[in-house]
Structure formats: C-alpha cells, structure tokens
Amino acid sequence: MRSSRLMTSLFLVRDDQVLLLYRRGSRAIANSWVGIGGHLEPDEMSDPAAGVVRELEEEIGVGADQISGLALRYVSLRDTGAELRHTYYFTAALGRDVRVPSSCAEGDLRWFDLTMDPAELEMPPTARVALAHWLRSGRHDDGLRFIALGAPLL
C-alpha cells in the first residue's frame, strides 16, 4: 500500500517568458526547477485551483487579482515506488506591472524564455514532461492532458 501526495504547480507567463522556482529543501522532491506551487490542503482536494492560488500568494506574494487566464493544463500521476504523487499543472498570465521577487523562502525564482528546453534543467519527471509539451504545443490550445509515470523497474 502506498501513500498519496496531492500537489499543484503553476507555470506563470509574461512577455514570452515563464517563471520557474529552483526549490530547495523540499520534503517531496530533490532540489530542482518547478512551477510555483505545493501541497494541497484538505479543504482544497476538490478545488486544486484554490490550492495553486494560495501557494502563489504564499510563495511569491502574487494574488488571484494579479493573474489572468488561470487554466488547468495537465494532471499527472507518478508512482515513485514509495508513494503516488498527483500533480495539477496550471498556467496563467502575470499582469504586466506585477513585480515578483528574485527569491522566496522556497528557493530562487528565474524567468526563462519560452524557447528554452526543459531537458537542460534539473526537474521532477512529470514537471519536465508537462512543461516540455506545453512549450512545444500545449500553449497553443486549451486542452487538458494527463501524464502517468510508473515506478522504476528494479
């Protein structure tokens, strides 16, 4: 029997760039590049959008009124061998005049061009798949996609 972990992640976009967080010291993942997000609270299980908005405010001080076009783009399930990790990947546009810090309590923040290759970054497996697909083709439609990765074979 495996435990289950529910998380959110937001790829925040502005001016042909995407904001990523180099998360350090996480209980769930190794130090790596991710979207803004984190664990869902019990009252957010049926509303992951509320969880990603809460995390956005907590991590970088950006409120729901400072973004537009919040959309659920990918839902992933990854079996790590020890637990099942469910992640809801969202995208949104950041308002033009909204400032974001260069770092937060979770790690360092950096803007990347939308032409970047996620394969060149240290990223959790489902984050890399979601971002790579979204950069390549997913940002040109409104589709919702599903990602499933099994535990490594021994």
C-alpha atoms as a PDB file:
ATOM      1  CA  MET A   1       0.000   0.000   0.000  1.00  0.00           C
ATOM      2  CA  ARG A   2       1.406   3.397  -0.991  1.00  0.00           C
ATOM      3  CA  SER A   3       0.653   6.790   0.477  1.00  0.00           C
ATOM      4  CA  SER A   4      -0.666   9.526  -1.772  1.00  0.00           C
ATOM      5  CA  ARG A   5       0.537  13.129  -2.152  1.00  0.00           C
ATOM      6  CA  LEU A   6      -1.557  15.798  -3.926  1.00  0.00           C
ATOM      7  CA  MET A   7       0.231  18.870  -5.261  1.00  0.00           C
ATOM      8  CA  THR A   8      -0.205  21.849  -7.547  1.00  0.00           C
ATOM      9  CA  SER A   9       2.185  23.684  -9.832  1.00  0.00           C
ATOM     10  CA  LEU A  10       1.754  26.894 -11.829  1.00  0.00           C
ATOM     11  CA  PHE A  11       3.710  27.929 -14.905  1.00  0.00           C
ATOM     12  CA  LEU A  12       3.366  31.704 -14.727  1.00  0.00           C
ATOM     13  CA  VAL A  13       3.902  33.503 -18.046  1.00  0.00           C
ATOM     14  CA  ARG A  14       4.654  37.081 -19.068  1.00  0.00           C
ATOM     15  CA  ASP A  15       6.251  38.597 -22.179  1.00  0.00           C
ATOM     16  CA  ASP A  16       7.244  35.299 -23.811  1.00  0.00           C
ATOM     17  CA  GLN A  17       8.826  34.046 -20.597  1.00  0.00           C
ATOM     18  CA  VAL A  18       7.873  31.510 -17.933  1.00  0.00           C
ATOM     19  CA  LEU A  19       8.704  31.874 -14.245  1.00  0.00           C
ATOM     20  CA  LEU A  20      10.249  28.849 -12.547  1.00  0.00           C
ATOM     21  CA  LEU A  21      11.334  28.259  -8.975  1.00  0.00           C
ATOM     22  CA  TYR A  22      14.539  26.450  -8.046  1.00  0.00           C
ATOM     23  CA  ARG A  23      13.062  24.748  -4.986  1.00  0.00           C
ATOM     24  CA  ARG A  24      15.490  23.864  -2.205  1.00  0.00           C
ATOM     25  CA  GLY A  25      14.936  21.662   0.824  1.00  0.00           C
ATOM     26  CA  SER A  26      11.589  20.163  -0.161  1.00  0.00           C
ATOM     27  CA  ARG A  27      10.301  17.087   1.654  1.00  0.00           C
ATOM     28  CA  ALA A  28       8.850  15.724  -1.598  1.00  0.00           C
ATOM     29  CA  ILE A  29      11.456  16.394  -4.306  1.00  0.00           C
ATOM     30  CA  ALA A  30      15.184  16.896  -4.730  1.00  0.00           C
ATOM     31  CA  ASN A  31      16.425  20.443  -5.327  1.00  0.00           C
ATOM     32  CA  SER A  32      15.141  21.255  -8.807  1.00  0.00           C
ATOM     33  CA  TRP A  33      13.287  23.669 -11.091  1.00  0.00           C
ATOM     34  CA  VAL A  34       9.491  23.618 -10.732  1.00  0.00           C
ATOM     35  CA  GLY A  35       6.491  25.871 -11.179  1.00  0.00           C
ATOM     36  CA  ILE A  36       5.065  27.840  -8.271  1.00  0.00           C
ATOM     37  CA  GLY A  37       3.039  25.500  -6.086  1.00  0.00           C
ATOM     38  CA  GLY A  38       2.992  22.935  -3.357  1.00  0.00           C
ATOM     39  CA  HIS A  39       0.770  20.575  -1.414  1.00  0.00           C
ATOM     40  CA  LEU A  40      -2.994  20.777  -1.397  1.00  0.00           C
ATOM     41  CA  GLU A  41      -4.647  21.399   1.969  1.00  0.00           C
ATOM     42  CA  PRO A  42      -7.502  19.048   2.956  1.00  0.00           C
ATOM     43  CA  ASP A  43     -10.177  21.640   2.074  1.00  0.00           C
ATOM     44  CA  GLU A  44      -8.618  22.109  -1.411  1.00  0.00           C
ATOM     45  CA  MET A  45      -8.826  18.462  -2.508  1.00  0.00           C
ATOM     46  CA  SER A  46     -11.933  19.176  -4.581  1.00  0.00           C
ATOM     47  CA  ASP A  47     -10.605  22.554  -5.815  1.00  0.00           C
ATOM     48  CA  PRO A  48      -6.926  22.388  -6.813  1.00  0.00           C
ATOM     49  CA  ALA A  49      -7.202  25.875  -8.376  1.00  0.00           C
ATOM     50  CA  ALA A  50      -7.769  27.284  -4.879  1.00  0.00           C
ATOM     51  CA  GLY A  51      -4.614  25.485  -3.754  1.00  0.00           C
ATOM     52  CA  VAL A  52      -2.450  26.846  -6.551  1.00  0.00           C
ATOM     53  CA  VAL A  53      -3.726  30.396  -5.925  1.00  0.00           C
ATOM     54  CA  ARG A  54      -2.971  30.024  -2.201  1.00  0.00           C
ATOM     55  CA  GLU A  55       0.534  28.756  -2.966  1.00  0.00           C
ATOM     56  CA  LEU A  56       1.118  31.627  -5.410  1.00  0.00           C
ATOM     57  CA  GLU A  57       0.271  34.136  -2.672  1.00  0.00           C
ATOM     58  CA  GLU A  58       2.313  32.327  -0.021  1.00  0.00           C
ATOM     59  CA  GLU A  59       5.401  31.755  -2.131  1.00  0.00           C
ATOM     60  CA  ILE A  60       5.769  34.958  -4.149  1.00  0.00           C
ATOM     61  CA  GLY A  61       3.112  37.362  -2.838  1.00  0.00           C
ATOM     62  CA  VAL A  62       1.005  37.405  -6.022  1.00  0.00           C
ATOM     63  CA  GLY A  63      -2.765  37.382  -5.601  1.00  0.00           C
ATOM     64  CA  ALA A  64      -5.515  35.978  -7.796  1.00  0.00           C
ATOM     65  CA  ASP A  65      -6.378  39.508  -8.967  1.00  0.00           C
ATOM     66  CA  GLN A  66      -2.855  39.879 -10.418  1.00  0.00           C
ATOM     67  CA  ILE A  67      -3.103  36.948 -12.830  1.00  0.00           C
ATOM     68  CA  SER A  68      -5.403  36.101 -15.718  1.00  0.00           C
ATOM     69  CA  GLY A  69      -6.327  33.035 -17.709  1.00  0.00           C
ATOM     70  CA  LEU A  70      -5.719  30.530 -14.915  1.00  0.00           C
ATOM     71  CA  ALA A  71      -6.202  27.129 -16.564  1.00  0.00           C
ATOM     72  CA  LEU A  72      -5.657  23.524 -15.568  1.00  0.00           C
ATOM     73  CA  ARG A  73      -3.484  22.095 -18.345  1.00  0.00           C
ATOM     74  CA  TYR A  74      -2.054  18.783 -17.080  1.00  0.00           C
ATOM     75  CA  VAL A  75      -2.933  16.250 -14.408  1.00  0.00           C
ATOM     76  CA  SER A  76      -0.160  13.832 -13.571  1.00  0.00           C
ATOM     77  CA  LEU A  77       0.132  10.626 -11.610  1.00  0.00           C
ATOM     78  CA  ARG A  78       3.584   9.337 -10.772  1.00  0.00           C
ATOM     79  CA  ASP A  79       4.341   6.165  -8.867  1.00  0.00           C
ATOM     80  CA  THR A  80       7.672   6.725  -7.089  1.00  0.00           C
ATOM     81  CA  GLY A  81       7.662   3.223  -5.669  1.00  0.00           C
ATOM     82  CA  ALA A  82       7.016   4.640  -2.185  1.00  0.00           C
ATOM     83  CA  GLU A  83       4.021   6.861  -2.909  1.00  0.00           C
ATOM     84  CA  LEU A  84       1.614   8.014  -5.599  1.00  0.00           C
ATOM     85  CA  ARG A  85       2.121  11.678  -6.499  1.00  0.00           C
ATOM     86  CA  HIS A  86      -0.756  13.548  -8.113  1.00  0.00           C
ATOM     87  CA  THR A  87       0.100  16.973  -9.511  1.00  0.00           C
ATOM     88  CA  TYR A  88      -2.253  19.508 -11.065  1.00  0.00           C
ATOM     89  CA  TYR A  89      -0.307  21.712 -13.506  1.00  0.00           C
ATOM     90  CA  PHE A  90      -1.788  25.130 -14.259  1.00  0.00           C
ATOM     91  CA  THR A  91      -0.812  28.049 -16.467  1.00  0.00           C
ATOM     92  CA  ALA A  92      -1.670  31.729 -16.030  1.00  0.00           C
ATOM     93  CA  ALA A  93      -0.521  35.111 -17.272  1.00  0.00           C
ATOM     94  CA  LEU A  94       1.010  37.547 -14.813  1.00  0.00           C
ATOM     95  CA  GLY A  95      -0.143  41.165 -15.006  1.00  0.00           C
ATOM     96  CA  ARG A  96       2.284  43.491 -16.782  1.00  0.00           C
ATOM     97  CA  ASP A  97       3.054  45.713 -13.798  1.00  0.00           C
ATOM     98  CA  VAL A  98       3.175  42.981 -11.150  1.00  0.00           C
ATOM     99  CA  ARG A  99       6.608  42.598  -9.604  1.00  0.00           C
ATOM    100  CA  VAL A 100       7.889  39.248  -8.405  1.00  0.00           C
ATOM    101  CA  PRO A 101      10.868  38.682  -6.132  1.00  0.00           C
ATOM    102  CA  SER A 102      14.063  37.001  -7.318  1.00  0.00           C
ATOM    103  CA  SER A 103      13.870  34.593  -4.398  1.00  0.00           C
ATOM    104  CA  CYS A 104      11.450  33.369  -1.755  1.00  0.00           C
ATOM    105  CA  ALA A 105      11.513  31.087   1.286  1.00  0.00           C
ATOM    106  CA  GLU A 106      11.310  28.062  -1.064  1.00  0.00           C
ATOM    107  CA  GLY A 107      14.289  28.976  -3.294  1.00  0.00           C
ATOM    108  CA  ASP A 108      15.300  31.169  -6.243  1.00  0.00           C
ATOM    109  CA  LEU A 109      12.979  32.469  -8.956  1.00  0.00           C
ATOM    110  CA  ARG A 110      14.046  32.962 -12.565  1.00  0.00           C
ATOM    111  CA  TRP A 111      12.370  33.885 -15.842  1.00  0.00           C
ATOM    112  CA  PHE A 112      13.103  31.577 -18.807  1.00  0.00           C
ATOM    113  CA  ASP A 113      12.368  32.240 -22.483  1.00  0.00           C
ATOM    114  CA  LEU A 114       9.551  30.160 -23.927  1.00  0.00           C
ATOM    115  CA  THR A 115      12.142  28.764 -26.354  1.00  0.00           C
ATOM    116  CA  MET A 116      14.051  27.041 -23.526  1.00  0.00           C
ATOM    117  CA  ASP A 117      14.483  23.278 -23.376  1.00  0.00           C
ATOM    118  CA  PRO A 118      13.319  21.748 -20.062  1.00  0.00           C
ATOM    119  CA  ALA A 119      15.566  18.730 -20.744  1.00  0.00           C
ATOM    120  CA  GLU A 120      18.508  21.004 -19.858  1.00  0.00           C
ATOM    121  CA  LEU A 121      17.161  21.689 -16.340  1.00  0.00           C
ATOM    122  CA  GLU A 122      17.019  19.585 -13.211  1.00  0.00           C
ATOM    123  CA  MET A 123      13.272  18.984 -12.923  1.00  0.00           C
ATOM    124  CA  PRO A 124      10.968  16.363 -11.448  1.00  0.00           C
ATOM    125  CA  PRO A 125       9.911  13.932 -14.208  1.00  0.00           C
ATOM    126  CA  THR A 126       6.273  14.995 -14.575  1.00  0.00           C
ATOM    127  CA  ALA A 127       7.165  18.705 -14.402  1.00  0.00           C
ATOM    128  CA  ARG A 128       9.618  18.211 -17.265  1.00  0.00           C
ATOM    129  CA  VAL A 129       7.037  16.349 -19.368  1.00  0.00           C
ATOM    130  CA  ALA A 130       4.304  18.928 -18.697  1.00  0.00           C
ATOM    131  CA  LEU A 131       6.497  21.977 -19.348  1.00  0.00           C
ATOM    132  CA  ALA A 132       8.134  20.493 -22.449  1.00  0.00           C
ATOM    133  CA  HIS A 133       4.783  19.627 -24.004  1.00  0.00           C
ATOM    134  CA  TRP A 134       3.230  22.967 -23.049  1.00  0.00           C
ATOM    135  CA  LEU A 135       6.166  24.923 -24.512  1.00  0.00           C
ATOM    136  CA  ARG A 136       6.150  22.861 -27.718  1.00  0.00           C
ATOM    137  CA  SER A 137       2.445  22.730 -28.465  1.00  0.00           C
ATOM    138  CA  GLY A 138       0.145  22.825 -25.433  1.00  0.00           C
ATOM    139  CA  ARG A 139       0.176  26.609 -25.111  1.00  0.00           C
ATOM    140  CA  HIS A 140      -1.482  26.903 -28.491  1.00  0.00           C
ATOM    141  CA  ASP A 141      -4.735  25.244 -27.403  1.00  0.00           C
ATOM    142  CA  ASP A 142      -6.975  24.827 -24.362  1.00  0.00           C
ATOM    143  CA  GLY A 143      -6.580  21.073 -23.984  1.00  0.00           C
ATOM    144  CA  LEU A 144      -6.333  19.227 -20.698  1.00  0.00           C
ATOM    145  CA  ARG A 145      -3.831  16.371 -20.778  1.00  0.00           C
ATOM    146  CA  PHE A 146      -2.910  13.504 -18.491  1.00  0.00           C
ATOM    147  CA  ILE A 147       0.559  12.232 -17.608  1.00  0.00           C
ATOM    148  CA  ALA A 148       1.228   8.849 -15.981  1.00  0.00           C
ATOM    149  CA  LEU A 149       4.672   7.617 -14.991  1.00  0.00           C
ATOM    150  CA  GLY A 150       5.264   4.260 -13.325  1.00  0.00           C
ATOM    151  CA  ALA A 151       7.768   3.324 -10.685  1.00  0.00           C
ATOM    152  CA  PRO A 152      11.230   2.421 -11.982  1.00  0.00           C
ATOM    153  CA  LEU A 153      11.730  -1.280 -12.626  1.00  0.00           C
ATOM    154  CA  LEU A 154      14.360  -2.934 -10.474  1.00  0.00           C
END
